[in-house]
Each structure stands twice: as structure tokens, then as C-alpha cells.
Amino acid sequence: MKHLKVMLEYFYPWTNSAGFYYAREQGWYKDAGLDVEFTVYDPQRGDTLAYLARGEADFGIFPSNRLLVQRERQPVVVGVAAINHRGMETVQTVRSTGIRRPADLSGKRVALNPTPRGMAMIRQLVSADGGDPDSIIVVDSGSRELTPDDIAAGEADATFGSYWAWEILMDTAVPEEERIVWPVDEIGAPPYHSYLLGTQVEKTIQDPETVRAFLAATERGYQALVADPLLAAPIYERIIPFFPAQLVERSLPLIASTWLHNGIWGVQRTELIEPYSEWLADHGILQDRNGWKTAYSNDFLSKENER
């Protein structure tokens, strides 16, 4: 059995990784001769991409924009499959703030992690609705996702970042009818793959069969859950028992809707990657507008996915 360490994309496992866990539970990795371990990163030592670049993980899940940025400095990681086919971030607020549309964020306090990409995104969303992006008051919330309760308590007027298939579903004291949530890809964000799965370029050269075997088993896991998302719910009672079962059960069908495109899993789509790369370059986040061309490969997916 070949041991593989797979690093997830967040501080803890959440429902976006369900296909991996389900494939392991069904024995599909074992059938391929693979002993798969799932882990999360220590923020003090960097994110998933940093671990992959150092060779401290075999595969990992990461935001597509971060891969493009990393490859300009260190082109050692390559995307080998898409996990999500749309953006999952939201802008959220509560009715007591008086905000009713993205333009109303002008002059308001917006909590977010003020990375270059985050700042560019919230500015675009406000501008696209006719607001003044220069008047936004940024509240640096770091990696913390403020809740509707935090907004109601006056910590900020709105937030950017929480996922419509996860944090937005969490319990809050603010009644549903008092909450306002806008998925960013419905209010002017460019289309993009939220997360990709990748490995070292060297691994694709030295051991392509392991890459193919790992992706084939993973695809089986995701395809099975698209057909019946709640099959994964019992797994999460074991790996994140500190979250309510109801949250997981609400999240799984929603997140599953992002895993396929035209019924196909894993294909990294030029029509999502190219314009997103150009948008990142337009905002000074990337220097090379064409770096995306070597940042990913679909060559290791199952033959049925080739196009």
C-alpha cells in the first residue's frame, strides 16, 4: 500500500471534502493500493500550497487564485482536478443596518480579511452596483468569519467571505427574515473555481499512475455523493462531532451542487480560469496574465472526462 497525505483547505474538515472521505470509507483508495491520510495545515507553517511546495503533503486542496499567485514565485505545484465550479463567498448583513443592495455598502464598515484579492473583490461588487468603492470602511477580521450576531452587535455593518454552503447555515440569534445574504457570483464577481486539487509537478512526472489512481477513486466518491449527498452525513459525526448534524445535513446537498459541470467531475475549465486570471492581473494580484496556461492539467483525470 502506498501512503498518501492529503491536506484539506481549511482549519478543519468541512463538507467540501466529503467525496474524499466517502471514497476512503468505501474502500476505493484501498482497492487502488492507496493508504490515504487526511490532514489540515498549521497556519504558523503556511497554507496547503506551502506544504505542497515543501513536499510535506502529496495532494492538497487550495483556492485557484492562490495557486496562480504561488506559481509566479515558485512553479512547483499544479492543479490536477477542480473541486468546485462556482464561487462560494457571500456578502451578508442584517436589515437593521439599512443596507439593501451592494451599492449601500458605500461608507459602511465591511468586515473581511483584507488580502489584495479580497479588497479587489469587495470593491468590484460595490462598484458593479453603482456604489463608491473608495468610501468602504474596512474592518480587518483576519481569518475570523463574523456572524449576523456580530453585525447586529455593531462590530461591522456587513461581511465579505462566509460561504453560502457552510457558515451562512450556522445557527444565529438573528431571525432568518432579518438576514440579507448575497452570493458574490450573483452580484458581479467574476466566475472562478473556488477550490482545486493539486500536487507537485514532479509527482505528475515521476509517478503519474498514482496521480491517476488517486483521482479515479476520488471521482467515484464525489459522483456517488452528488447522487445522494446525505450518504456522507454519518462520516461527519465522527470527524467533526463538534458541529450539529443538522448543519452538515443542510450543507451537503448545497455544496454537492458545485462539484460537477455537465455531470462531469474534476475538469478544470478554461472558461473559468482564464478570465479569472485576467481579472487578478487587472487588479495587480498577478503579474503574468498568461501564467494560468501552465498552472493546471486535466491529463490525469479518467478518460470519460477528457474533452
C-alpha atoms as a PDB file:
ATOM      1  CA  MET A   1       0.000   0.000   0.000  1.00  0.00           C
ATOM      2  CA  LYS A   2       1.281   3.441  -0.907  1.00  0.00           C
ATOM      3  CA  HIS A   3       0.705   6.066   1.790  1.00  0.00           C
ATOM      4  CA  LEU A   4      -0.588   9.442   0.623  1.00  0.00           C
ATOM      5  CA  LYS A   5      -1.067  12.542   2.779  1.00  0.00           C
ATOM      6  CA  VAL A   6      -3.893  14.750   1.518  1.00  0.00           C
ATOM      7  CA  MET A   7      -4.128  18.240   3.011  1.00  0.00           C
ATOM      8  CA  LEU A   8      -7.526  19.901   3.202  1.00  0.00           C
ATOM      9  CA  GLU A   9      -8.247  23.573   2.585  1.00  0.00           C
ATOM     10  CA  TYR A  10      -9.369  24.910   5.957  1.00  0.00           C
ATOM     11  CA  PHE A  11      -8.664  24.767   9.682  1.00  0.00           C
ATOM     12  CA  TYR A  12     -10.885  21.692  10.000  1.00  0.00           C
ATOM     13  CA  PRO A  13     -12.654  19.301   7.616  1.00  0.00           C
ATOM     14  CA  TRP A  14     -15.969  20.543   6.279  1.00  0.00           C
ATOM     15  CA  THR A  15     -18.462  19.223   3.768  1.00  0.00           C
ATOM     16  CA  ASN A  16     -16.469  20.214   0.675  1.00  0.00           C
ATOM     17  CA  SER A  17     -14.148  17.263   1.365  1.00  0.00           C
ATOM     18  CA  ALA A  18     -16.964  14.715   1.601  1.00  0.00           C
ATOM     19  CA  GLY A  19     -16.040  12.942  -1.629  1.00  0.00           C
ATOM     20  CA  PHE A  20     -12.587  12.112  -0.288  1.00  0.00           C
ATOM     21  CA  TYR A  21     -13.868  10.724   2.986  1.00  0.00           C
ATOM     22  CA  TYR A  22     -16.610   8.745   1.295  1.00  0.00           C
ATOM     23  CA  ALA A  23     -14.168   7.202  -1.189  1.00  0.00           C
ATOM     24  CA  ARG A  24     -11.962   6.114   1.690  1.00  0.00           C
ATOM     25  CA  GLU A  25     -14.858   4.692   3.675  1.00  0.00           C
ATOM     26  CA  GLN A  26     -15.998   2.673   0.674  1.00  0.00           C
ATOM     27  CA  GLY A  27     -12.503   1.209   0.279  1.00  0.00           C
ATOM     28  CA  TRP A  28     -11.951   2.685  -3.167  1.00  0.00           C
ATOM     29  CA  TYR A  29      -8.499   4.058  -2.315  1.00  0.00           C
ATOM     30  CA  LYS A  30      -7.534   0.732  -0.757  1.00  0.00           C
ATOM     31  CA  ASP A  31      -8.669  -1.057  -3.901  1.00  0.00           C
ATOM     32  CA  ALA A  32      -6.229   1.164  -5.815  1.00  0.00           C
ATOM     33  CA  GLY A  33      -3.376   0.276  -3.461  1.00  0.00           C
ATOM     34  CA  LEU A  34      -3.502   3.616  -1.649  1.00  0.00           C
ATOM     35  CA  ASP A  35      -3.453   4.301   2.100  1.00  0.00           C
ATOM     36  CA  VAL A  36      -4.867   7.831   2.297  1.00  0.00           C
ATOM     37  CA  GLU A  37      -4.480  10.141   5.298  1.00  0.00           C
ATOM     38  CA  PHE A  38      -6.372  13.444   5.516  1.00  0.00           C
ATOM     39  CA  THR A  39      -4.922  16.332   7.449  1.00  0.00           C
ATOM     40  CA  VAL A  40      -5.170  20.117   7.871  1.00  0.00           C
ATOM     41  CA  TYR A  41      -2.414  22.699   7.939  1.00  0.00           C
ATOM     42  CA  ASP A  42      -0.807  24.519  10.840  1.00  0.00           C
ATOM     43  CA  PRO A  43      -1.260  28.236   9.935  1.00  0.00           C
ATOM     44  CA  GLN A  44       2.088  29.022  11.553  1.00  0.00           C
ATOM     45  CA  ARG A  45       3.736  26.963   8.820  1.00  0.00           C
ATOM     46  CA  GLY A  46       1.620  28.183   5.915  1.00  0.00           C
ATOM     47  CA  ASP A  47      -1.396  27.019   3.961  1.00  0.00           C
ATOM     48  CA  THR A  48      -1.893  23.883   1.895  1.00  0.00           C
ATOM     49  CA  LEU A  49       0.098  25.271  -1.023  1.00  0.00           C
ATOM     50  CA  ALA A  50       3.062  25.971   1.240  1.00  0.00           C
ATOM     51  CA  TYR A  51       3.024  22.373   2.474  1.00  0.00           C
ATOM     52  CA  LEU A  52       2.814  21.063  -1.086  1.00  0.00           C
ATOM     53  CA  ALA A  53       5.677  23.278  -2.208  1.00  0.00           C
ATOM     54  CA  ARG A  54       7.861  21.853   0.575  1.00  0.00           C
ATOM     55  CA  GLY A  55       6.845  18.301  -0.294  1.00  0.00           C
ATOM     56  CA  GLU A  56       5.165  17.814   3.097  1.00  0.00           C
ATOM     57  CA  ALA A  57       1.881  16.656   1.551  1.00  0.00           C
ATOM     58  CA  ASP A  58       1.206  14.576  -1.541  1.00  0.00           C
ATOM     59  CA  PHE A  59      -2.056  16.193  -2.615  1.00  0.00           C
ATOM     60  CA  GLY A  60      -3.919  19.235  -1.383  1.00  0.00           C
ATOM     61  CA  ILE A  61      -6.979  21.445  -1.858  1.00  0.00           C
ATOM     62  CA  PHE A  62      -6.460  25.189  -2.337  1.00  0.00           C
ATOM     63  CA  PRO A  63      -8.100  28.323  -3.796  1.00  0.00           C
ATOM     64  CA  SER A  64      -7.424  28.697  -7.509  1.00  0.00           C
ATOM     65  CA  ASN A  65      -6.194  32.288  -7.133  1.00  0.00           C
ATOM     66  CA  ARG A  66      -3.558  31.267  -4.588  1.00  0.00           C
ATOM     67  CA  LEU A  67      -2.181  28.653  -6.953  1.00  0.00           C
ATOM     68  CA  LEU A  68      -1.750  31.267  -9.674  1.00  0.00           C
ATOM     69  CA  VAL A  69      -0.016  33.658  -7.272  1.00  0.00           C
ATOM     70  CA  GLN A  70       2.296  30.962  -5.899  1.00  0.00           C
ATOM     71  CA  ARG A  71       3.341  29.779  -9.340  1.00  0.00           C
ATOM     72  CA  GLU A  72       4.680  33.216 -10.217  1.00  0.00           C
ATOM     73  CA  ARG A  73       7.233  32.777  -7.428  1.00  0.00           C
ATOM     74  CA  GLN A  74       7.621  29.015  -7.317  1.00  0.00           C
ATOM     75  CA  PRO A  75       6.054  26.906 -10.106  1.00  0.00           C
ATOM     76  CA  VAL A  76       6.229  23.574  -8.295  1.00  0.00           C
ATOM     77  CA  VAL A  77       2.515  22.816  -7.712  1.00  0.00           C
ATOM     78  CA  VAL A  78      -0.017  22.126 -10.459  1.00  0.00           C
ATOM     79  CA  GLY A  79      -3.796  21.776 -10.358  1.00  0.00           C
ATOM     80  CA  VAL A  80      -4.948  18.297 -11.388  1.00  0.00           C
ATOM     81  CA  ALA A  81      -8.708  18.499 -10.709  1.00  0.00           C
ATOM     82  CA  ALA A  82     -11.436  21.023  -9.956  1.00  0.00           C
ATOM     83  CA  ILE A  83     -13.386  20.609  -6.733  1.00  0.00           C
ATOM     84  CA  ASN A  84     -15.887  23.468  -7.159  1.00  0.00           C
ATOM     85  CA  HIS A  85     -17.308  25.135 -10.261  1.00  0.00           C
ATOM     86  CA  ARG A  86     -18.523  28.368  -8.719  1.00  0.00           C
ATOM     87  CA  GLY A  87     -17.639  30.900  -6.059  1.00  0.00           C
ATOM     88  CA  MET A  88     -18.994  30.239  -2.583  1.00  0.00           C
ATOM     89  CA  GLU A  89     -18.342  33.513  -0.789  1.00  0.00           C
ATOM     90  CA  THR A  90     -21.085  35.896   0.219  1.00  0.00           C
ATOM     91  CA  VAL A  91     -21.702  39.423   1.348  1.00  0.00           C
ATOM     92  CA  GLN A  92     -24.041  39.382   4.336  1.00  0.00           C
ATOM     93  CA  THR A  93     -25.702  41.986   6.508  1.00  0.00           C
ATOM     94  CA  VAL A  94     -28.822  42.447   8.641  1.00  0.00           C
ATOM     95  CA  ARG A  95     -31.799  44.679   7.981  1.00  0.00           C
ATOM     96  CA  SER A  96     -31.132  46.939  10.957  1.00  0.00           C
ATOM     97  CA  THR A  97     -28.090  48.373   9.127  1.00  0.00           C
ATOM     98  CA  GLY A  98     -30.285  49.838   6.388  1.00  0.00           C
ATOM     99  CA  ILE A  99     -28.259  48.074   3.700  1.00  0.00           C
ATOM    100  CA  ARG A 100     -30.488  46.699   0.955  1.00  0.00           C
ATOM    101  CA  ARG A 101     -28.153  46.355  -2.040  1.00  0.00           C
ATOM    102  CA  PRO A 102     -24.382  46.158  -2.625  1.00  0.00           C
ATOM    103  CA  ALA A 103     -24.177  49.859  -3.506  1.00  0.00           C
ATOM    104  CA  ASP A 104     -25.375  50.619   0.034  1.00  0.00           C
ATOM    105  CA  LEU A 105     -22.033  49.341   1.348  1.00  0.00           C
ATOM    106  CA  SER A 106     -20.616  52.725   0.360  1.00  0.00           C
ATOM    107  CA  GLY A 107     -19.489  54.456   3.528  1.00  0.00           C
ATOM    108  CA  LYS A 108     -20.221  51.347   5.596  1.00  0.00           C
ATOM    109  CA  ARG A 109     -17.937  49.131   7.707  1.00  0.00           C
ATOM    110  CA  VAL A 110     -17.286  45.866   5.900  1.00  0.00           C
ATOM    111  CA  ALA A 111     -15.501  43.085   7.778  1.00  0.00           C
ATOM    112  CA  LEU A 112     -13.176  40.888   5.750  1.00  0.00           C
ATOM    113  CA  ASN A 113      -9.677  39.523   5.554  1.00  0.00           C
ATOM    114  CA  PRO A 114      -8.150  42.451   3.598  1.00  0.00           C
ATOM    115  CA  THR A 115      -5.958  40.447   1.237  1.00  0.00           C
ATOM    116  CA  PRO A 116      -5.308  42.049  -2.178  1.00  0.00           C
ATOM    117  CA  ARG A 117      -7.811  39.666  -3.739  1.00  0.00           C
ATOM    118  CA  GLY A 118     -10.411  40.240  -1.002  1.00  0.00           C
ATOM    119  CA  MET A 119     -10.109  44.008  -1.324  1.00  0.00           C
ATOM    120  CA  ALA A 120     -10.377  43.853  -5.107  1.00  0.00           C
ATOM    121  CA  MET A 121     -13.450  41.662  -4.874  1.00  0.00           C
ATOM    122  CA  ILE A 122     -15.450  43.761  -2.428  1.00  0.00           C
ATOM    123  CA  ARG A 123     -14.571  46.933  -4.344  1.00  0.00           C
ATOM    124  CA  GLN A 124     -15.824  45.369  -7.573  1.00  0.00           C
ATOM    125  CA  LEU A 125     -19.060  44.206  -6.002  1.00  0.00           C
ATOM    126  CA  VAL A 126     -19.843  47.688  -4.718  1.00  0.00           C
ATOM    127  CA  SER A 127     -18.780  49.360  -7.962  1.00  0.00           C
ATOM    128  CA  ALA A 128     -20.802  46.930 -10.106  1.00  0.00           C
ATOM    129  CA  ASP A 129     -23.956  48.083  -8.309  1.00  0.00           C
ATOM    130  CA  GLY A 130     -23.153  51.766  -8.741  1.00  0.00           C
ATOM    131  CA  GLY A 131     -21.652  52.378  -5.301  1.00  0.00           C
ATOM    132  CA  ASP A 132     -18.436  54.154  -4.284  1.00  0.00           C
ATOM    133  CA  PRO A 133     -15.738  51.556  -3.523  1.00  0.00           C
ATOM    134  CA  ASP A 134     -13.377  54.236  -2.204  1.00  0.00           C
ATOM    135  CA  SER A 135     -15.753  55.002   0.653  1.00  0.00           C
ATOM    136  CA  ILE A 136     -15.835  51.458   2.064  1.00  0.00           C
ATOM    137  CA  ILE A 137     -14.552  51.332   5.654  1.00  0.00           C
ATOM    138  CA  VAL A 138     -12.573  48.105   6.040  1.00  0.00           C
ATOM    139  CA  VAL A 139     -12.805  46.159   9.292  1.00  0.00           C
ATOM    140  CA  ASP A 140      -9.901  43.721   9.391  1.00  0.00           C
ATOM    141  CA  SER A 141     -11.393  40.480  10.690  1.00  0.00           C
ATOM    142  CA  GLY A 142      -8.419  38.330   9.683  1.00  0.00           C
ATOM    143  CA  SER A 143      -9.363  34.664   9.326  1.00  0.00           C
ATOM    144  CA  ARG A 144     -12.408  35.088  11.540  1.00  0.00           C
ATOM    145  CA  GLU A 145     -15.838  34.999   9.888  1.00  0.00           C
ATOM    146  CA  LEU A 146     -18.141  37.467  11.635  1.00  0.00           C
ATOM    147  CA  THR A 147     -21.685  36.259  12.201  1.00  0.00           C
ATOM    148  CA  PRO A 148     -25.043  38.024  11.864  1.00  0.00           C
ATOM    149  CA  ASP A 149     -24.970  38.323  15.658  1.00  0.00           C
ATOM    150  CA  ASP A 150     -21.674  40.223  15.404  1.00  0.00           C
ATOM    151  CA  ILE A 151     -23.188  42.552  12.822  1.00  0.00           C
ATOM    152  CA  ALA A 152     -26.279  43.124  14.954  1.00  0.00           C
ATOM    153  CA  ALA A 153     -23.984  43.888  17.906  1.00  0.00           C
ATOM    154  CA  GLY A 154     -22.255  46.626  15.905  1.00  0.00           C
ATOM    155  CA  GLU A 155     -18.860  45.038  15.144  1.00  0.00           C
ATOM    156  CA  ALA A 156     -19.400  45.826  11.445  1.00  0.00           C
ATOM    157  CA  ASP A 157     -22.213  46.702   9.050  1.00  0.00           C
ATOM    158  CA  ALA A 158     -21.611  43.793   6.684  1.00  0.00           C
ATOM    159  CA  THR A 159     -19.161  40.988   5.994  1.00  0.00           C
ATOM    160  CA  PHE A 160     -17.478  39.523   2.947  1.00  0.00           C
ATOM    161  CA  GLY A 161     -16.343  35.916   2.900  1.00  0.00           C
ATOM    162  CA  SER A 162     -18.691  33.468   4.626  1.00  0.00           C
ATOM    163  CA  TYR A 163     -19.750  30.567   2.397  1.00  0.00           C
ATOM    164  CA  TRP A 164     -23.397  30.155   1.438  1.00  0.00           C
ATOM    165  CA  ALA A 165     -22.978  26.387   1.803  1.00  0.00           C
ATOM    166  CA  TRP A 166     -21.379  26.462   5.272  1.00  0.00           C
ATOM    167  CA  GLU A 167     -21.027  29.437   7.645  1.00  0.00           C
ATOM    168  CA  ILE A 168     -24.222  31.071   6.387  1.00  0.00           C
ATOM    169  CA  LEU A 169     -26.115  27.955   7.521  1.00  0.00           C
ATOM    170  CA  MET A 170     -24.871  28.109  11.114  1.00  0.00           C
ATOM    171  CA  ASP A 171     -27.252  28.912  13.951  1.00  0.00           C
ATOM    172  CA  THR A 172     -27.667  32.557  14.851  1.00  0.00           C
ATOM    173  CA  ALA A 173     -29.873  34.575  17.167  1.00  0.00           C
ATOM    174  CA  VAL A 174     -30.790  36.854  14.261  1.00  0.00           C
ATOM    175  CA  PRO A 175     -34.061  35.645  12.678  1.00  0.00           C
ATOM    176  CA  GLU A 176     -33.834  34.446   9.079  1.00  0.00           C
ATOM    177  CA  GLU A 177     -36.116  37.220   7.845  1.00  0.00           C
ATOM    178  CA  GLU A 178     -33.738  39.839   9.297  1.00  0.00           C
ATOM    179  CA  ARG A 179     -30.698  38.493   7.449  1.00  0.00           C
ATOM    180  CA  ILE A 180     -29.537  39.525   3.957  1.00  0.00           C
ATOM    181  CA  VAL A 181     -27.138  37.247   2.070  1.00  0.00           C
ATOM    182  CA  TRP A 182     -25.764  37.753  -1.433  1.00  0.00           C
ATOM    183  CA  PRO A 183     -23.622  35.042  -3.067  1.00  0.00           C
ATOM    184  CA  VAL A 184     -20.865  37.008  -4.770  1.00  0.00           C
ATOM    185  CA  ASP A 185     -21.257  35.292  -8.133  1.00  0.00           C
ATOM    186  CA  GLU A 186     -24.806  36.662  -8.264  1.00  0.00           C
ATOM    187  CA  ILE A 187     -23.791  40.300  -7.708  1.00  0.00           C
ATOM    188  CA  GLY A 188     -20.883  40.906 -10.065  1.00  0.00           C
ATOM    189  CA  ALA A 189     -17.955  38.669  -9.098  1.00  0.00           C
ATOM    190  CA  PRO A 190     -16.001  37.037 -11.919  1.00  0.00           C
ATOM    191  CA  PRO A 191     -16.630  33.301 -12.351  1.00  0.00           C
ATOM    192  CA  TYR A 192     -13.978  31.039 -10.850  1.00  0.00           C
ATOM    193  CA  HIS A 193     -13.227  27.629  -9.368  1.00  0.00           C
ATOM    194  CA  SER A 194     -13.333  28.160  -5.608  1.00  0.00           C
ATOM    195  CA  TYR A 195     -11.044  25.191  -4.960  1.00  0.00           C
ATOM    196  CA  LEU A 196      -8.734  22.992  -6.973  1.00  0.00           C
ATOM    197  CA  LEU A 197      -6.966  19.776  -6.076  1.00  0.00           C
ATOM    198  CA  GLY A 198      -3.257  19.714  -6.830  1.00  0.00           C
ATOM    199  CA  THR A 199       0.072  18.029  -6.368  1.00  0.00           C
ATOM    200  CA  GLN A 200       3.729  18.634  -7.152  1.00  0.00           C
ATOM    201  CA  VAL A 201       4.665  18.923 -10.817  1.00  0.00           C
ATOM    202  CA  GLU A 202       7.424  16.423 -10.050  1.00  0.00           C
ATOM    203  CA  LYS A 203       4.897  13.828  -8.874  1.00  0.00           C
ATOM    204  CA  THR A 204       2.968  14.070 -12.144  1.00  0.00           C
ATOM    205  CA  ILE A 205       6.222  13.316 -13.975  1.00  0.00           C
ATOM    206  CA  GLN A 206       7.726  10.659 -11.704  1.00  0.00           C
ATOM    207  CA  ASP A 207       4.546   8.840 -10.619  1.00  0.00           C
ATOM    208  CA  PRO A 208       1.657   9.647 -12.979  1.00  0.00           C
ATOM    209  CA  GLU A 209      -0.088   6.329 -12.313  1.00  0.00           C
ATOM    210  CA  THR A 210      -0.518   7.149  -8.625  1.00  0.00           C
ATOM    211  CA  VAL A 211      -1.974  10.536  -9.572  1.00  0.00           C
ATOM    212  CA  ARG A 212      -4.433   8.866 -11.935  1.00  0.00           C
ATOM    213  CA  ALA A 213      -5.397   6.188  -9.400  1.00  0.00           C
ATOM    214  CA  PHE A 214      -5.964   8.740  -6.649  1.00  0.00           C
ATOM    215  CA  LEU A 215      -8.117  10.930  -8.898  1.00  0.00           C
ATOM    216  CA  ALA A 216     -10.164   7.990 -10.180  1.00  0.00           C
ATOM    217  CA  ALA A 217     -11.062   6.855  -6.656  1.00  0.00           C
ATOM    218  CA  THR A 218     -11.774  10.436  -5.584  1.00  0.00           C
ATOM    219  CA  GLU A 219     -14.060  10.938  -8.573  1.00  0.00           C
ATOM    220  CA  ARG A 220     -16.067   7.874  -7.519  1.00  0.00           C
ATOM    221  CA  GLY A 221     -16.542   9.416  -4.088  1.00  0.00           C
ATOM    222  CA  TYR A 222     -17.778  12.748  -5.399  1.00  0.00           C
ATOM    223  CA  GLN A 223     -20.025  11.240  -8.072  1.00  0.00           C
ATOM    224  CA  ALA A 224     -21.665   8.948  -5.511  1.00  0.00           C
ATOM    225  CA  LEU A 225     -22.433  11.872  -3.217  1.00  0.00           C
ATOM    226  CA  VAL A 226     -23.822  14.076  -5.953  1.00  0.00           C
ATOM    227  CA  ALA A 227     -26.390  11.317  -6.435  1.00  0.00           C
ATOM    228  CA  ASP A 228     -27.084  11.083  -2.684  1.00  0.00           C
ATOM    229  CA  PRO A 229     -25.272  13.766  -0.625  1.00  0.00           C
ATOM    230  CA  LEU A 230     -26.541  12.604   2.748  1.00  0.00           C
ATOM    231  CA  LEU A 231     -24.617   9.342   2.429  1.00  0.00           C
ATOM    232  CA  ALA A 232     -21.686  11.311   3.865  1.00  0.00           C
ATOM    233  CA  ALA A 233     -23.536  12.662   6.908  1.00  0.00           C
ATOM    234  CA  PRO A 234     -22.538   9.809   9.284  1.00  0.00           C
ATOM    235  CA  ILE A 235     -18.867  10.354   8.410  1.00  0.00           C
ATOM    236  CA  TYR A 236     -19.028  13.928   9.697  1.00  0.00           C
ATOM    237  CA  GLU A 237     -20.457  12.788  13.005  1.00  0.00           C
ATOM    238  CA  ARG A 238     -17.063  11.175  13.542  1.00  0.00           C
ATOM    239  CA  ILE A 239     -14.636  13.698  12.036  1.00  0.00           C
ATOM    240  CA  ILE A 240     -16.284  16.969  13.182  1.00  0.00           C
ATOM    241  CA  PRO A 241     -18.599  15.917  16.031  1.00  0.00           C
ATOM    242  CA  PHE A 242     -18.437  19.460  17.425  1.00  0.00           C
ATOM    243  CA  PHE A 243     -20.769  20.694  14.632  1.00  0.00           C
ATOM    244  CA  PRO A 244     -24.502  19.929  14.714  1.00  0.00           C
ATOM    245  CA  ALA A 245     -25.677  17.137  12.444  1.00  0.00           C
ATOM    246  CA  GLN A 246     -28.342  19.487  11.100  1.00  0.00           C
ATOM    247  CA  LEU A 247     -25.665  21.858   9.770  1.00  0.00           C
ATOM    248  CA  VAL A 248     -23.923  19.053   7.896  1.00  0.00           C
ATOM    249  CA  GLU A 249     -27.215  17.738   6.519  1.00  0.00           C
ATOM    250  CA  ARG A 250     -28.172  21.187   5.226  1.00  0.00           C
ATOM    251  CA  SER A 251     -24.737  21.830   3.783  1.00  0.00           C
ATOM    252  CA  LEU A 252     -24.127  18.593   1.891  1.00  0.00           C
ATOM    253  CA  PRO A 253     -26.814  18.997  -0.814  1.00  0.00           C
ATOM    254  CA  LEU A 254     -25.827  22.633  -1.348  1.00  0.00           C
ATOM    255  CA  ILE A 255     -22.096  22.079  -1.673  1.00  0.00           C
ATOM    256  CA  ALA A 256     -22.684  18.988  -3.831  1.00  0.00           C
ATOM    257  CA  SER A 257     -24.271  21.272  -6.431  1.00  0.00           C
ATOM    258  CA  THR A 258     -20.827  22.820  -7.081  1.00  0.00           C
ATOM    259  CA  TRP A 259     -18.877  19.591  -7.682  1.00  0.00           C
ATOM    260  CA  LEU A 260     -19.834  18.734 -11.266  1.00  0.00           C
ATOM    261  CA  HIS A 261     -20.109  20.578 -14.554  1.00  0.00           C
ATOM    262  CA  ASN A 262     -22.461  18.976 -17.079  1.00  0.00           C
ATOM    263  CA  GLY A 263     -22.335  15.821 -14.981  1.00  0.00           C
ATOM    264  CA  ILE A 264     -18.538  15.607 -15.115  1.00  0.00           C
ATOM    265  CA  TRP A 265     -16.206  15.756 -12.109  1.00  0.00           C
ATOM    266  CA  GLY A 266     -12.764  17.294 -11.964  1.00  0.00           C
ATOM    267  CA  VAL A 267     -12.304  19.119 -15.254  1.00  0.00           C
ATOM    268  CA  GLN A 268     -10.560  22.446 -14.733  1.00  0.00           C
ATOM    269  CA  ARG A 269     -12.304  24.773 -17.146  1.00  0.00           C
ATOM    270  CA  THR A 270     -10.506  27.360 -19.240  1.00  0.00           C
ATOM    271  CA  GLU A 271     -13.663  29.470 -19.304  1.00  0.00           C
ATOM    272  CA  LEU A 272     -13.358  29.888 -15.532  1.00  0.00           C
ATOM    273  CA  ILE A 273      -9.587  30.044 -15.167  1.00  0.00           C
ATOM    274  CA  GLU A 274      -8.625  32.409 -17.996  1.00  0.00           C
ATOM    275  CA  PRO A 275     -10.991  35.324 -17.223  1.00  0.00           C
ATOM    276  CA  TYR A 276     -10.306  34.985 -13.504  1.00  0.00           C
ATOM    277  CA  SER A 277      -6.570  35.185 -14.177  1.00  0.00           C
ATOM    278  CA  GLU A 278      -7.120  38.283 -16.281  1.00  0.00           C
ATOM    279  CA  TRP A 279      -9.216  39.826 -13.508  1.00  0.00           C
ATOM    280  CA  LEU A 280      -6.463  39.092 -10.975  1.00  0.00           C
ATOM    281  CA  ALA A 281      -3.906  40.666 -13.303  1.00  0.00           C
ATOM    282  CA  ASP A 282      -6.118  43.722 -13.867  1.00  0.00           C
ATOM    283  CA  HIS A 283      -6.090  44.259 -10.099  1.00  0.00           C
ATOM    284  CA  GLY A 284      -2.338  43.834  -9.733  1.00  0.00           C
ATOM    285  CA  ILE A 285      -2.592  40.474  -7.956  1.00  0.00           C
ATOM    286  CA  LEU A 286      -0.870  38.628 -10.812  1.00  0.00           C
ATOM    287  CA  GLN A 287       1.930  39.922 -12.998  1.00  0.00           C
ATOM    288  CA  ASP A 288       1.680  37.340 -15.775  1.00  0.00           C
ATOM    289  CA  ARG A 289      -1.719  37.319 -17.484  1.00  0.00           C
ATOM    290  CA  ASN A 290      -0.871  34.050 -19.218  1.00  0.00           C
ATOM    291  CA  GLY A 291       0.519  32.082 -16.272  1.00  0.00           C
ATOM    292  CA  TRP A 292      -2.731  30.144 -15.999  1.00  0.00           C
ATOM    293  CA  LYS A 293      -1.851  28.195 -19.154  1.00  0.00           C
ATOM    294  CA  THR A 294       0.680  26.030 -17.285  1.00  0.00           C
ATOM    295  CA  ALA A 295      -0.961  26.123 -13.845  1.00  0.00           C
ATOM    296  CA  TYR A 296      -3.278  23.155 -14.355  1.00  0.00           C
ATOM    297  CA  SER A 297      -3.634  19.897 -16.254  1.00  0.00           C
ATOM    298  CA  ASN A 298      -6.633  17.673 -16.904  1.00  0.00           C
ATOM    299  CA  ASP A 299      -4.423  14.900 -18.277  1.00  0.00           C
ATOM    300  CA  PHE A 300      -4.702  12.731 -15.173  1.00  0.00           C
ATOM    301  CA  LEU A 301      -8.490  12.545 -14.976  1.00  0.00           C
ATOM    302  CA  SER A 302     -10.387   9.479 -16.138  1.00  0.00           C
ATOM    303  CA  LYS A 303     -10.787   9.093 -19.896  1.00  0.00           C
ATOM    304  CA  GLU A 304     -14.508   9.833 -19.652  1.00  0.00           C
ATOM    305  CA  ASN A 305     -13.619  13.358 -18.505  1.00  0.00           C
ATOM    306  CA  GLU A 306     -11.342  14.222 -21.398  1.00  0.00           C
ATOM    307  CA  ARG A 307     -12.525  16.832 -23.821  1.00  0.00           C
END
